[in-house]
């Protein structure tokens, strides 16, 4: 079930950011890919996935790299209206597609 939810998050981010899913989980350092990866990591952690699980999913050997993405998220939202827009769109998309605890 975990992998299904992680893939749903990845698919939503890829669709909204118009970035290939494989690029998001790769080591590509183009800014648009890094932005999408940051939104993905942030979303996964907000949905309660442990940093170690997210790190493994995006092929990182260090948990601290996932935490770095998470820590940069807020600053990136402040610095870039485009990043803020994309992250807001991902939140909306996930709210539509993800199961909710509010029943």
Protein backbone atom coordinates (compact mmCIF):
# COMPACT_ATOMS: atom_id res chain seq x y z
CA UNK A 1 0.00 0.00 0.00
CA UNK A 2 2.87 2.39 0.79
CA UNK A 3 4.28 2.12 -2.71
CA UNK A 4 0.84 2.82 -4.23
CA UNK A 5 0.47 6.02 -2.22
CA UNK A 6 4.03 7.12 -2.99
CA UNK A 7 3.35 6.56 -6.67
CA UNK A 8 0.11 8.59 -6.45
CA UNK A 9 2.07 11.48 -4.97
CA UNK A 10 4.78 11.11 -7.61
CA UNK A 11 2.21 11.01 -10.41
CA UNK A 12 0.48 14.15 -9.14
CA UNK A 13 3.76 16.05 -8.88
CA UNK A 14 4.89 14.86 -12.32
CA UNK A 15 1.61 15.88 -13.91
CA UNK A 16 1.42 19.33 -12.30
CA UNK A 17 5.11 20.14 -12.77
CA UNK A 18 5.22 18.56 -16.24
CA UNK A 19 8.31 16.55 -15.32
CA UNK A 20 8.85 12.88 -16.10
CA UNK A 21 8.46 10.67 -13.01
CA UNK A 22 11.83 9.04 -13.64
CA UNK A 23 13.55 12.43 -13.65
CA UNK A 24 11.99 13.36 -10.30
CA UNK A 25 13.47 10.28 -8.62
CA UNK A 26 16.79 10.63 -10.47
CA UNK A 27 19.84 12.70 -9.62
CA UNK A 28 19.14 15.31 -12.33
CA UNK A 29 19.95 18.78 -11.02
CA UNK A 30 18.02 20.97 -13.46
CA UNK A 31 16.08 23.56 -11.46
CA UNK A 32 12.64 22.46 -12.65
CA UNK A 33 13.42 18.86 -11.72
CA UNK A 34 14.79 19.88 -8.32
CA UNK A 35 11.64 21.94 -7.74
CA UNK A 36 9.44 18.94 -8.54
CA UNK A 37 11.56 16.65 -6.36
CA UNK A 38 11.33 19.14 -3.49
CA UNK A 39 7.54 19.25 -3.77
CA UNK A 40 7.44 15.45 -3.93
CA UNK A 41 9.60 15.00 -0.83
CA UNK A 42 7.68 17.63 1.11
CA UNK A 43 4.35 16.03 0.15
CA UNK A 44 5.51 12.56 1.15
CA UNK A 45 6.70 13.73 4.55
CA UNK A 46 3.47 15.69 5.11
CA UNK A 47 1.52 12.51 4.37
CA UNK A 48 3.47 10.81 7.16
CA UNK A 49 6.08 8.81 5.31
CA UNK A 50 9.36 8.43 7.19
CA UNK A 51 12.37 10.16 5.66
CA UNK A 52 14.09 6.79 5.22
CA UNK A 53 11.22 5.48 3.09
CA UNK A 54 11.22 8.60 0.91
CA UNK A 55 15.03 8.48 0.57
CA UNK A 56 14.86 4.89 -0.65
CA UNK A 57 12.05 5.74 -3.09
CA UNK A 58 14.08 8.55 -4.69
CA UNK A 59 17.27 6.49 -4.67
CA UNK A 60 19.14 8.43 -2.00
CA UNK A 61 21.42 6.71 0.46
CA UNK A 62 21.29 9.49 3.05
CA UNK A 63 18.19 10.47 4.96
CA UNK A 64 19.65 13.95 5.46
CA UNK A 65 19.26 14.65 1.72
CA UNK A 66 15.50 14.16 2.11
CA UNK A 67 15.48 16.46 5.11
CA UNK A 68 17.41 19.05 3.09
CA UNK A 69 14.67 19.05 0.45
CA UNK A 70 12.05 19.39 3.18
CA UNK A 71 13.91 22.25 4.86
CA UNK A 72 14.31 24.14 1.55
CA UNK A 73 10.62 23.92 0.69
CA UNK A 74 9.52 26.95 2.72
CA UNK A 75 12.31 29.15 1.41
CA UNK A 76 11.58 28.12 -2.17
CA UNK A 77 7.90 29.05 -1.71
CA UNK A 78 8.95 32.50 -0.52
CA UNK A 79 11.43 33.06 -3.35
CA UNK A 80 9.45 31.81 -6.33
CA UNK A 81 5.83 32.46 -7.21
CA UNK A 82 6.02 29.70 -9.81
CA UNK A 83 7.19 27.19 -7.20
CA UNK A 84 4.45 28.36 -4.83
CA UNK A 85 1.83 27.98 -7.56
CA UNK A 86 3.00 24.48 -8.47
CA UNK A 87 3.10 23.34 -4.87
CA UNK A 88 -0.42 24.71 -4.27
CA UNK A 89 -1.67 22.86 -7.36
CA UNK A 90 -0.09 19.62 -6.12
CA UNK A 91 -1.80 20.06 -2.75
CA UNK A 92 -5.16 20.50 -4.53
CA UNK A 93 -4.55 17.47 -6.76
CA UNK A 94 -3.58 15.29 -3.82
CA UNK A 95 -6.63 16.43 -1.85
CA UNK A 96 -8.79 15.18 -4.72
CA UNK A 97 -7.07 11.83 -5.19
CA UNK A 98 -5.72 10.76 -1.82
CA UNK A 99 -7.76 9.01 0.87
CA UNK A 100 -8.62 11.24 3.79
CA UNK A 101 -8.72 10.47 7.51
CA UNK A 102 -11.64 12.92 7.91
CA UNK A 103 -14.57 10.50 7.66
